[in-house]
Amino acid sequence: MKKNFFGFLTAIFVIFIIASPFAGASDIELAKKSTLEKILKRGELLIGTESGYPPFEMTDKKGNIVGFDIDIAKEIAKAMGVKLKIINTAFDGIIPALTTKKFDIIISGMTITQERNLKINFSDPYMIVGQTILLNKKYEGKITSYEQLNDQKYIVTSKLGTTGEQAIKRFIPKAQYKSFEGSGAAALEVAMGKADAIVYDLPFCATFIGTQGKNNLTFLDEPFTYEPLAFGIRKGDPDFLNWLNNFLRQLKNDGRYDKIYKKWLNNMDWTKNVD
């Protein structure tokens, strides 16, 4: 019995020794194929985003795409020692564009969802947001919860292909839903009285009512969904994912994240330079 047991251990040891070099070689080959290596070799980080989601990404009066996410992207490029190139992409096509290698990473206020996660991988969240509601002013004090909008007499807007759209279909399916290509247009529809409410992310709604909607809108600012925002990358790239997660930990603990947050979410000074 002992002889057989030691023979078994010897066989396992031999298999381990033989297999180890091949496993190591496999890991090295995987690392060489990483997007991270391609970025460093290219000397340029390509990010996919859609301008039109204040304060995360928008176009300033000079035609530059600016915002919270763009400042984060600049820090990523700086940490890598490469240039940054921003590729403006329609949000409903941004995942296909990533998977077909039009750019390296999505940084566009994207919420982690299980459906999206089937197609791409996500980094650790860099912010937690949720869906909130801007109502036409005539409903101030009359509608106090999203549940009251679940009636076919109400017209509710959001942006096509977003979690705002998903929230409407899930939580207030009886309402008449009107989709828009841009979040700004969806909010203006409510401000002009052509719709009753918009469902959209807290940062956008807070920014819109603070800059354009004080006289025409009222804000239900308590989020009714849990939505973590994260970077999106192609599947099968553990090296890039590891680097991004470590970058986020460093960013959040050395003061840079707080500085960017205060710049874009704690005041409205940036609105002077945005169309």
C-alpha atoms as a PDB file:
ATOM      1  CA  MET A   1       0.000   0.000   0.000  1.00  0.00           C
ATOM      2  CA  LYS A   2       2.781   2.421   0.960  1.00  0.00           C
ATOM      3  CA  LYS A   3       4.691   1.564  -2.211  1.00  0.00           C
ATOM      4  CA  ASN A   4       1.651   2.346  -4.359  1.00  0.00           C
ATOM      5  CA  PHE A   5       1.049   5.622  -2.485  1.00  0.00           C
ATOM      6  CA  PHE A   6       4.641   6.833  -2.965  1.00  0.00           C
ATOM      7  CA  GLY A   7       4.486   5.763  -6.600  1.00  0.00           C
ATOM      8  CA  PHE A   8       1.347   7.893  -7.008  1.00  0.00           C
ATOM      9  CA  LEU A   9       3.049  10.944  -5.441  1.00  0.00           C
ATOM     10  CA  THR A  10       6.082  10.482  -7.709  1.00  0.00           C
ATOM     11  CA  ALA A  11       3.849  10.373 -10.787  1.00  0.00           C
ATOM     12  CA  ILE A  12       2.040  13.551  -9.738  1.00  0.00           C
ATOM     13  CA  PHE A  13       5.371  15.318  -9.101  1.00  0.00           C
ATOM     14  CA  VAL A  14       6.702  14.334 -12.531  1.00  0.00           C
ATOM     15  CA  ILE A  15       3.496  15.558 -14.243  1.00  0.00           C
ATOM     16  CA  PHE A  16       3.766  18.869 -12.344  1.00  0.00           C
ATOM     17  CA  ILE A  17       7.394  19.371 -13.389  1.00  0.00           C
ATOM     18  CA  ILE A  18       6.615  18.582 -17.024  1.00  0.00           C
ATOM     19  CA  ALA A  19       3.455  20.729 -17.137  1.00  0.00           C
ATOM     20  CA  SER A  20       4.870  23.779 -15.322  1.00  0.00           C
ATOM     21  CA  PRO A  21       7.040  25.130 -18.167  1.00  0.00           C
ATOM     22  CA  PHE A  22       4.091  24.841 -20.550  1.00  0.00           C
ATOM     23  CA  ALA A  23       1.790  26.677 -18.106  1.00  0.00           C
ATOM     24  CA  GLY A  24       4.400  29.401 -17.718  1.00  0.00           C
ATOM     25  CA  ALA A  25       4.811  29.698 -21.474  1.00  0.00           C
ATOM     26  CA  SER A  26       1.034  29.941 -21.853  1.00  0.00           C
ATOM     27  CA  ASP A  27       0.855  32.782 -19.308  1.00  0.00           C
ATOM     28  CA  ILE A  28       3.631  34.684 -21.079  1.00  0.00           C
ATOM     29  CA  GLU A  29       1.871  34.348 -24.438  1.00  0.00           C
ATOM     30  CA  LEU A  30      -1.390  35.582 -22.880  1.00  0.00           C
ATOM     31  CA  ALA A  31       0.410  38.602 -21.405  1.00  0.00           C
ATOM     32  CA  LYS A  32       1.944  39.443 -24.786  1.00  0.00           C
ATOM     33  CA  LYS A  33      -1.540  39.519 -26.322  1.00  0.00           C
ATOM     34  CA  SER A  34      -2.887  41.882 -23.666  1.00  0.00           C
ATOM     35  CA  THR A  35      -4.387  45.202 -24.763  1.00  0.00           C
ATOM     36  CA  LEU A  36      -2.074  46.749 -22.181  1.00  0.00           C
ATOM     37  CA  GLU A  37       0.981  45.657 -24.189  1.00  0.00           C
ATOM     38  CA  LYS A  38      -0.559  46.969 -27.412  1.00  0.00           C
ATOM     39  CA  ILE A  39      -1.213  50.375 -25.801  1.00  0.00           C
ATOM     40  CA  LEU A  40       2.352  50.648 -24.539  1.00  0.00           C
ATOM     41  CA  LYS A  41       3.777  49.613 -27.910  1.00  0.00           C
ATOM     42  CA  ARG A  42       1.481  52.030 -29.768  1.00  0.00           C
ATOM     43  CA  GLY A  43       2.214  54.856 -27.331  1.00  0.00           C
ATOM     44  CA  GLU A  44      -1.439  55.869 -27.323  1.00  0.00           C
ATOM     45  CA  LEU A  45      -4.543  54.943 -25.304  1.00  0.00           C
ATOM     46  CA  LEU A  46      -7.762  54.845 -27.345  1.00  0.00           C
ATOM     47  CA  ILE A  47     -10.920  55.379 -25.308  1.00  0.00           C
ATOM     48  CA  GLY A  48     -14.489  55.056 -26.528  1.00  0.00           C
ATOM     49  CA  THR A  49     -17.009  57.480 -25.071  1.00  0.00           C
ATOM     50  CA  GLU A  50     -20.144  59.350 -26.088  1.00  0.00           C
ATOM     51  CA  SER A  51     -20.176  63.095 -25.577  1.00  0.00           C
ATOM     52  CA  GLY A  52     -23.535  64.189 -24.203  1.00  0.00           C
ATOM     53  CA  TYR A  53     -23.669  62.864 -20.642  1.00  0.00           C
ATOM     54  CA  PRO A  54     -22.871  65.797 -18.315  1.00  0.00           C
ATOM     55  CA  PRO A  55     -20.859  65.941 -16.160  1.00  0.00           C
ATOM     56  CA  PHE A  56     -19.103  62.742 -17.298  1.00  0.00           C
ATOM     57  CA  GLU A  57     -18.455  63.568 -20.954  1.00  0.00           C
ATOM     58  CA  MET A  58     -19.572  66.566 -22.995  1.00  0.00           C
ATOM     59  CA  THR A  59     -18.288  68.999 -25.605  1.00  0.00           C
ATOM     60  CA  ASP A  60     -16.975  72.407 -24.535  1.00  0.00           C
ATOM     61  CA  LYS A  61     -17.226  75.650 -26.518  1.00  0.00           C
ATOM     62  CA  LYS A  62     -13.891  74.912 -28.201  1.00  0.00           C
ATOM     63  CA  GLY A  63     -15.118  71.550 -29.487  1.00  0.00           C
ATOM     64  CA  ASN A  64     -13.137  69.456 -27.002  1.00  0.00           C
ATOM     65  CA  ILE A  65     -14.690  66.511 -25.151  1.00  0.00           C
ATOM     66  CA  VAL A  66     -14.359  67.182 -21.417  1.00  0.00           C
ATOM     67  CA  GLY A  67     -15.784  65.884 -18.159  1.00  0.00           C
ATOM     68  CA  PHE A  68     -15.293  63.626 -15.157  1.00  0.00           C
ATOM     69  CA  ASP A  69     -14.591  60.501 -17.216  1.00  0.00           C
ATOM     70  CA  ILE A  70     -12.203  62.367 -19.501  1.00  0.00           C
ATOM     71  CA  ASP A  71     -10.112  63.541 -16.547  1.00  0.00           C
ATOM     72  CA  ILE A  72      -9.997  59.929 -15.295  1.00  0.00           C
ATOM     73  CA  ALA A  73      -8.879  58.814 -18.777  1.00  0.00           C
ATOM     74  CA  LYS A  74      -6.131  61.449 -18.750  1.00  0.00           C
ATOM     75  CA  GLU A  75      -4.848  60.025 -15.468  1.00  0.00           C
ATOM     76  CA  ILE A  76      -4.816  56.504 -16.943  1.00  0.00           C
ATOM     77  CA  ALA A  77      -2.823  57.667 -19.969  1.00  0.00           C
ATOM     78  CA  LYS A  78      -0.436  59.604 -17.723  1.00  0.00           C
ATOM     79  CA  ALA A  79       0.119  56.542 -15.516  1.00  0.00           C
ATOM     80  CA  MET A  80       0.891  54.480 -18.625  1.00  0.00           C
ATOM     81  CA  GLY A  81       3.157  57.170 -20.072  1.00  0.00           C
ATOM     82  CA  VAL A  82       1.197  57.335 -23.340  1.00  0.00           C
ATOM     83  CA  LYS A  83      -0.912  59.839 -25.286  1.00  0.00           C
ATOM     84  CA  LEU A  84      -4.697  59.881 -25.063  1.00  0.00           C
ATOM     85  CA  LYS A  85      -7.069  59.681 -28.039  1.00  0.00           C
ATOM     86  CA  ILE A  86     -10.819  60.061 -27.520  1.00  0.00           C
ATOM     87  CA  ILE A  87     -13.137  58.336 -29.993  1.00  0.00           C
ATOM     88  CA  ASN A  88     -16.678  59.719 -29.809  1.00  0.00           C
ATOM     89  CA  THR A  89     -19.084  56.823 -30.353  1.00  0.00           C
ATOM     90  CA  ALA A  90     -22.884  56.481 -30.191  1.00  0.00           C
ATOM     91  CA  PHE A  91     -23.719  54.750 -26.925  1.00  0.00           C
ATOM     92  CA  ASP A  92     -25.968  52.094 -28.458  1.00  0.00           C
ATOM     93  CA  GLY A  93     -23.034  50.960 -30.615  1.00  0.00           C
ATOM     94  CA  ILE A  94     -20.222  51.418 -28.128  1.00  0.00           C
ATOM     95  CA  ILE A  95     -19.942  47.763 -27.023  1.00  0.00           C
ATOM     96  CA  PRO A  96     -19.779  46.405 -30.618  1.00  0.00           C
ATOM     97  CA  ALA A  97     -17.146  49.057 -31.365  1.00  0.00           C
ATOM     98  CA  LEU A  98     -15.049  47.848 -28.412  1.00  0.00           C
ATOM     99  CA  THR A  99     -15.331  44.183 -29.331  1.00  0.00           C
ATOM    100  CA  THR A 100     -14.290  44.930 -32.928  1.00  0.00           C
ATOM    101  CA  LYS A 101     -11.216  46.774 -31.575  1.00  0.00           C
ATOM    102  CA  LYS A 102     -12.116  50.324 -32.603  1.00  0.00           C
ATOM    103  CA  PHE A 103     -10.635  51.397 -29.245  1.00  0.00           C
ATOM    104  CA  ASP A 104      -9.063  49.883 -26.132  1.00  0.00           C
ATOM    105  CA  ILE A 105     -11.559  50.692 -23.388  1.00  0.00           C
ATOM    106  CA  ILE A 106     -14.998  52.165 -22.746  1.00  0.00           C
ATOM    107  CA  ILE A 107     -14.989  55.085 -20.298  1.00  0.00           C
ATOM    108  CA  SER A 108     -18.459  56.535 -20.731  1.00  0.00           C
ATOM    109  CA  GLY A 109     -20.469  56.474 -17.509  1.00  0.00           C
ATOM    110  CA  MET A 110     -21.357  52.857 -18.255  1.00  0.00           C
ATOM    111  CA  THR A 111     -23.292  50.903 -15.633  1.00  0.00           C
ATOM    112  CA  ILE A 112     -22.356  47.290 -15.000  1.00  0.00           C
ATOM    113  CA  THR A 113     -25.287  45.097 -16.019  1.00  0.00           C
ATOM    114  CA  GLN A 114     -25.457  41.323 -16.358  1.00  0.00           C
ATOM    115  CA  GLU A 115     -26.482  41.669 -20.008  1.00  0.00           C
ATOM    116  CA  ARG A 116     -23.472  43.852 -20.835  1.00  0.00           C
ATOM    117  CA  ASN A 117     -21.204  41.614 -18.779  1.00  0.00           C
ATOM    118  CA  LEU A 118     -22.007  38.711 -21.101  1.00  0.00           C
ATOM    119  CA  LYS A 119     -20.340  40.660 -23.914  1.00  0.00           C
ATOM    120  CA  ILE A 120     -17.478  42.495 -22.170  1.00  0.00           C
ATOM    121  CA  ASN A 121     -15.599  42.543 -18.866  1.00  0.00           C
ATOM    122  CA  PHE A 122     -15.778  45.350 -16.326  1.00  0.00           C
ATOM    123  CA  SER A 123     -13.256  46.843 -13.946  1.00  0.00           C
ATOM    124  CA  ASP A 124     -14.086  47.478 -10.306  1.00  0.00           C
ATOM    125  CA  PRO A 125     -16.655  50.312 -10.022  1.00  0.00           C
ATOM    126  CA  TYR A 126     -15.305  53.855  -9.893  1.00  0.00           C
ATOM    127  CA  MET A 127     -18.645  55.375  -8.820  1.00  0.00           C
ATOM    128  CA  ILE A 128     -22.043  54.216  -7.605  1.00  0.00           C
ATOM    129  CA  VAL A 129     -25.061  56.062  -9.028  1.00  0.00           C
ATOM    130  CA  GLY A 130     -28.748  55.278  -9.511  1.00  0.00           C
ATOM    131  CA  GLN A 131     -31.800  56.329 -11.501  1.00  0.00           C
ATOM    132  CA  THR A 132     -33.637  59.474 -10.398  1.00  0.00           C
ATOM    133  CA  ILE A 133     -36.513  61.499 -11.841  1.00  0.00           C
ATOM    134  CA  LEU A 134     -36.984  65.003 -13.173  1.00  0.00           C
ATOM    135  CA  LEU A 135     -40.661  65.961 -13.295  1.00  0.00           C
ATOM    136  CA  ASN A 136     -42.386  68.792 -15.071  1.00  0.00           C
ATOM    137  CA  LYS A 137     -42.961  71.564 -12.527  1.00  0.00           C
ATOM    138  CA  LYS A 138     -46.739  71.083 -12.588  1.00  0.00           C
ATOM    139  CA  TYR A 139     -46.295  67.820 -10.666  1.00  0.00           C
ATOM    140  CA  GLU A 140     -44.353  69.367  -7.788  1.00  0.00           C
ATOM    141  CA  GLY A 141     -45.733  67.979  -4.531  1.00  0.00           C
ATOM    142  CA  LYS A 142     -48.204  65.771  -6.427  1.00  0.00           C
ATOM    143  CA  ILE A 143     -45.855  63.020  -7.587  1.00  0.00           C
ATOM    144  CA  THR A 144     -43.307  61.971  -4.966  1.00  0.00           C
ATOM    145  CA  SER A 145     -42.289  58.472  -6.140  1.00  0.00           C
ATOM    146  CA  TYR A 146     -41.485  56.646  -9.370  1.00  0.00           C
ATOM    147  CA  GLU A 147     -44.335  54.235  -8.557  1.00  0.00           C
ATOM    148  CA  GLN A 148     -46.916  56.953  -9.171  1.00  0.00           C
ATOM    149  CA  LEU A 149     -45.705  57.264 -12.774  1.00  0.00           C
ATOM    150  CA  ASN A 150     -46.710  53.678 -13.536  1.00  0.00           C
ATOM    151  CA  ASP A 151     -49.813  54.774 -15.404  1.00  0.00           C
ATOM    152  CA  GLN A 152     -50.495  55.028 -19.139  1.00  0.00           C
ATOM    153  CA  LYS A 153     -51.575  58.659 -18.764  1.00  0.00           C
ATOM    154  CA  TYR A 154     -47.944  59.694 -18.160  1.00  0.00           C
ATOM    155  CA  ILE A 155     -45.282  60.163 -20.849  1.00  0.00           C
ATOM    156  CA  VAL A 156     -41.813  59.287 -19.568  1.00  0.00           C
ATOM    157  CA  THR A 157     -38.548  59.861 -21.441  1.00  0.00           C
ATOM    158  CA  SER A 158     -34.977  58.581 -21.314  1.00  0.00           C
ATOM    159  CA  LYS A 159     -32.024  57.960 -23.581  1.00  0.00           C
ATOM    160  CA  LEU A 160     -31.989  55.037 -25.979  1.00  0.00           C
ATOM    161  CA  GLY A 161     -29.973  51.998 -24.857  1.00  0.00           C
ATOM    162  CA  THR A 162     -29.345  53.169 -21.278  1.00  0.00           C
ATOM    163  CA  THR A 163     -30.159  51.856 -17.824  1.00  0.00           C
ATOM    164  CA  GLY A 164     -32.665  54.705 -17.563  1.00  0.00           C
ATOM    165  CA  GLU A 165     -34.587  53.063 -20.391  1.00  0.00           C
ATOM    166  CA  GLN A 166     -34.288  49.685 -18.672  1.00  0.00           C
ATOM    167  CA  ALA A 167     -35.557  51.141 -15.379  1.00  0.00           C
ATOM    168  CA  ILE A 168     -38.671  52.525 -17.097  1.00  0.00           C
ATOM    169  CA  LYS A 169     -39.458  49.166 -18.686  1.00  0.00           C
ATOM    170  CA  ARG A 170     -38.889  47.336 -15.419  1.00  0.00           C
ATOM    171  CA  PHE A 171     -40.386  49.649 -12.784  1.00  0.00           C
ATOM    172  CA  ILE A 172     -42.976  51.767 -14.637  1.00  0.00           C
ATOM    173  CA  PRO A 173     -43.985  49.639 -17.645  1.00  0.00           C
ATOM    174  CA  LYS A 174     -47.511  51.077 -17.874  1.00  0.00           C
ATOM    175  CA  ALA A 175     -46.240  54.600 -18.636  1.00  0.00           C
ATOM    176  CA  GLN A 176     -45.882  55.726 -22.268  1.00  0.00           C
ATOM    177  CA  TYR A 177     -42.175  55.585 -23.015  1.00  0.00           C
ATOM    178  CA  LYS A 178     -40.536  58.039 -25.423  1.00  0.00           C
ATOM    179  CA  SER A 179     -36.863  57.401 -26.223  1.00  0.00           C
ATOM    180  CA  PHE A 180     -34.279  59.947 -27.391  1.00  0.00           C
ATOM    181  CA  GLU A 181     -30.819  59.745 -28.914  1.00  0.00           C
ATOM    182  CA  GLY A 182     -29.508  62.219 -26.321  1.00  0.00           C
ATOM    183  CA  SER A 183     -30.200  62.695 -22.613  1.00  0.00           C
ATOM    184  CA  GLY A 184     -30.359  66.476 -23.010  1.00  0.00           C
ATOM    185  CA  ALA A 185     -33.151  66.219 -25.580  1.00  0.00           C
ATOM    186  CA  ALA A 186     -35.049  63.807 -23.327  1.00  0.00           C
ATOM    187  CA  ALA A 187     -34.841  66.264 -20.411  1.00  0.00           C
ATOM    188  CA  LEU A 188     -35.832  69.254 -22.558  1.00  0.00           C
ATOM    189  CA  GLU A 189     -38.966  67.384 -23.657  1.00  0.00           C
ATOM    190  CA  VAL A 190     -40.046  67.362 -20.004  1.00  0.00           C
ATOM    191  CA  ALA A 191     -38.989  70.959 -19.360  1.00  0.00           C
ATOM    192  CA  MET A 192     -41.076  72.114 -22.343  1.00  0.00           C
ATOM    193  CA  GLY A 193     -44.133  70.205 -21.099  1.00  0.00           C
ATOM    194  CA  LYS A 194     -44.185  67.707 -23.968  1.00  0.00           C
ATOM    195  CA  ALA A 195     -43.560  64.842 -21.535  1.00  0.00           C
ATOM    196  CA  ASP A 196     -44.162  64.382 -17.818  1.00  0.00           C
ATOM    197  CA  ALA A 197     -40.879  62.949 -16.523  1.00  0.00           C
ATOM    198  CA  ILE A 198     -37.398  61.775 -17.429  1.00  0.00           C
ATOM    199  CA  VAL A 199     -35.719  58.828 -15.734  1.00  0.00           C
ATOM    200  CA  TYR A 200     -31.937  59.128 -15.735  1.00  0.00           C
ATOM    201  CA  ASP A 201     -28.762  58.897 -13.649  1.00  0.00           C
ATOM    202  CA  LEU A 202     -28.471  61.083 -10.554  1.00  0.00           C
ATOM    203  CA  PRO A 203     -25.414  63.140 -11.690  1.00  0.00           C
ATOM    204  CA  PHE A 204     -27.046  64.082 -14.994  1.00  0.00           C
ATOM    205  CA  CYS A 205     -30.399  65.029 -13.424  1.00  0.00           C
ATOM    206  CA  ALA A 206     -28.702  67.087 -10.716  1.00  0.00           C
ATOM    207  CA  THR A 207     -26.611  68.899 -13.325  1.00  0.00           C
ATOM    208  CA  PHE A 208     -29.510  69.522 -15.705  1.00  0.00           C
ATOM    209  CA  ILE A 209     -31.859  70.997 -13.125  1.00  0.00           C
ATOM    210  CA  GLY A 210     -29.012  73.106 -11.735  1.00  0.00           C
ATOM    211  CA  THR A 211     -28.134  74.595 -15.110  1.00  0.00           C
ATOM    212  CA  GLN A 212     -31.269  74.558 -17.259  1.00  0.00           C
ATOM    213  CA  GLY A 213     -34.345  73.352 -15.434  1.00  0.00           C
ATOM    214  CA  LYS A 214     -34.838  75.290 -12.196  1.00  0.00           C
ATOM    215  CA  ASN A 215     -37.965  77.079 -13.418  1.00  0.00           C
ATOM    216  CA  ASN A 216     -39.592  74.203 -15.283  1.00  0.00           C
ATOM    217  CA  LEU A 217     -38.635  71.033 -13.402  1.00  0.00           C
ATOM    218  CA  THR A 218     -38.765  69.441  -9.976  1.00  0.00           C
ATOM    219  CA  PHE A 219     -36.275  66.793  -8.841  1.00  0.00           C
ATOM    220  CA  LEU A 220     -36.976  63.460  -7.140  1.00  0.00           C
ATOM    221  CA  ASP A 221     -33.352  63.014  -6.112  1.00  0.00           C
ATOM    222  CA  GLU A 222     -33.570  59.725  -4.179  1.00  0.00           C
ATOM    223  CA  PRO A 223     -32.167  56.980  -6.479  1.00  0.00           C
ATOM    224  CA  PHE A 224     -34.468  53.966  -6.866  1.00  0.00           C
ATOM    225  CA  THR A 225     -31.854  51.683  -8.472  1.00  0.00           C
ATOM    226  CA  TYR A 226     -28.289  50.611  -7.618  1.00  0.00           C
ATOM    227  CA  GLU A 227     -25.887  51.238 -10.497  1.00  0.00           C
ATOM    228  CA  PRO A 228     -22.105  50.864 -10.339  1.00  0.00           C
ATOM    229  CA  LEU A 229     -20.183  52.664 -13.104  1.00  0.00           C
ATOM    230  CA  ALA A 230     -17.057  50.953 -14.437  1.00  0.00           C
ATOM    231  CA  PHE A 231     -14.588  50.744 -17.334  1.00  0.00           C
ATOM    232  CA  GLY A 232     -15.448  48.229 -20.049  1.00  0.00           C
ATOM    233  CA  ILE A 233     -12.780  46.095 -21.744  1.00  0.00           C
ATOM    234  CA  ARG A 234     -12.707  43.107 -24.067  1.00  0.00           C
ATOM    235  CA  LYS A 235     -12.964  39.634 -22.570  1.00  0.00           C
ATOM    236  CA  GLY A 236      -9.922  37.419 -22.050  1.00  0.00           C
ATOM    237  CA  ASP A 237      -7.531  40.134 -20.842  1.00  0.00           C
ATOM    238  CA  PRO A 238      -6.616  39.557 -17.168  1.00  0.00           C
ATOM    239  CA  ASP A 239      -3.451  41.689 -17.365  1.00  0.00           C
ATOM    240  CA  PHE A 240      -5.303  44.832 -18.475  1.00  0.00           C
ATOM    241  CA  LEU A 241      -8.058  44.231 -15.918  1.00  0.00           C
ATOM    242  CA  ASN A 242      -5.503  43.792 -13.124  1.00  0.00           C
ATOM    243  CA  TRP A 243      -3.723  47.013 -14.097  1.00  0.00           C
ATOM    244  CA  LEU A 244      -6.971  49.015 -14.210  1.00  0.00           C
ATOM    245  CA  ASN A 245      -8.160  47.767 -10.812  1.00  0.00           C
ATOM    246  CA  ASN A 246      -4.832  48.606  -9.202  1.00  0.00           C
ATOM    247  CA  PHE A 247      -4.908  52.020 -10.905  1.00  0.00           C
ATOM    248  CA  LEU A 248      -8.355  52.709  -9.419  1.00  0.00           C
ATOM    249  CA  ARG A 249      -7.208  51.803  -5.912  1.00  0.00           C
ATOM    250  CA  GLN A 250      -4.263  54.179  -6.223  1.00  0.00           C
ATOM    251  CA  LEU A 251      -6.383  56.968  -7.749  1.00  0.00           C
ATOM    252  CA  LYS A 252      -8.962  56.786  -4.950  1.00  0.00           C
ATOM    253  CA  ASN A 253      -6.373  56.787  -2.184  1.00  0.00           C
ATOM    254  CA  ASP A 254      -3.863  59.449  -3.255  1.00  0.00           C
ATOM    255  CA  GLY A 255      -6.274  62.389  -3.556  1.00  0.00           C
ATOM    256  CA  ARG A 256      -6.579  62.548  -7.348  1.00  0.00           C
ATOM    257  CA  TYR A 257     -10.072  61.030  -7.452  1.00  0.00           C
ATOM    258  CA  ASP A 258     -11.394  63.474  -4.837  1.00  0.00           C
ATOM    259  CA  LYS A 259      -9.956  66.395  -6.784  1.00  0.00           C
ATOM    260  CA  ILE A 260     -11.665  65.284 -10.012  1.00  0.00           C
ATOM    261  CA  TYR A 261     -14.920  64.591  -8.155  1.00  0.00           C
ATOM    262  CA  LYS A 262     -15.015  68.080  -6.611  1.00  0.00           C
ATOM    263  CA  LYS A 263     -14.230  69.693  -9.975  1.00  0.00           C
ATOM    264  CA  TRP A 264     -17.160  68.093 -11.816  1.00  0.00           C
ATOM    265  CA  LEU A 265     -19.751  67.119  -9.183  1.00  0.00           C
ATOM    266  CA  ASN A 266     -19.410  69.554  -6.288  1.00  0.00           C
ATOM    267  CA  ASN A 267     -19.754  72.798  -8.238  1.00  0.00           C
ATOM    268  CA  MET A 268     -21.089  74.123 -11.519  1.00  0.00           C
ATOM    269  CA  ASP A 269     -18.146  76.299 -12.625  1.00  0.00           C
ATOM    270  CA  TRP A 270     -17.535  74.055 -15.637  1.00  0.00           C
ATOM    271  CA  THR A 271     -20.954  74.899 -17.095  1.00  0.00           C
ATOM    272  CA  LYS A 272     -19.610  78.306 -18.256  1.00  0.00           C
ATOM    273  CA  ASN A 273     -17.375  76.554 -20.782  1.00  0.00           C
ATOM    274  CA  VAL A 274     -19.896  74.001 -22.081  1.00  0.00           C
ATOM    275  CA  ASP A 275     -22.463  74.576 -24.810  1.00  0.00           C
END
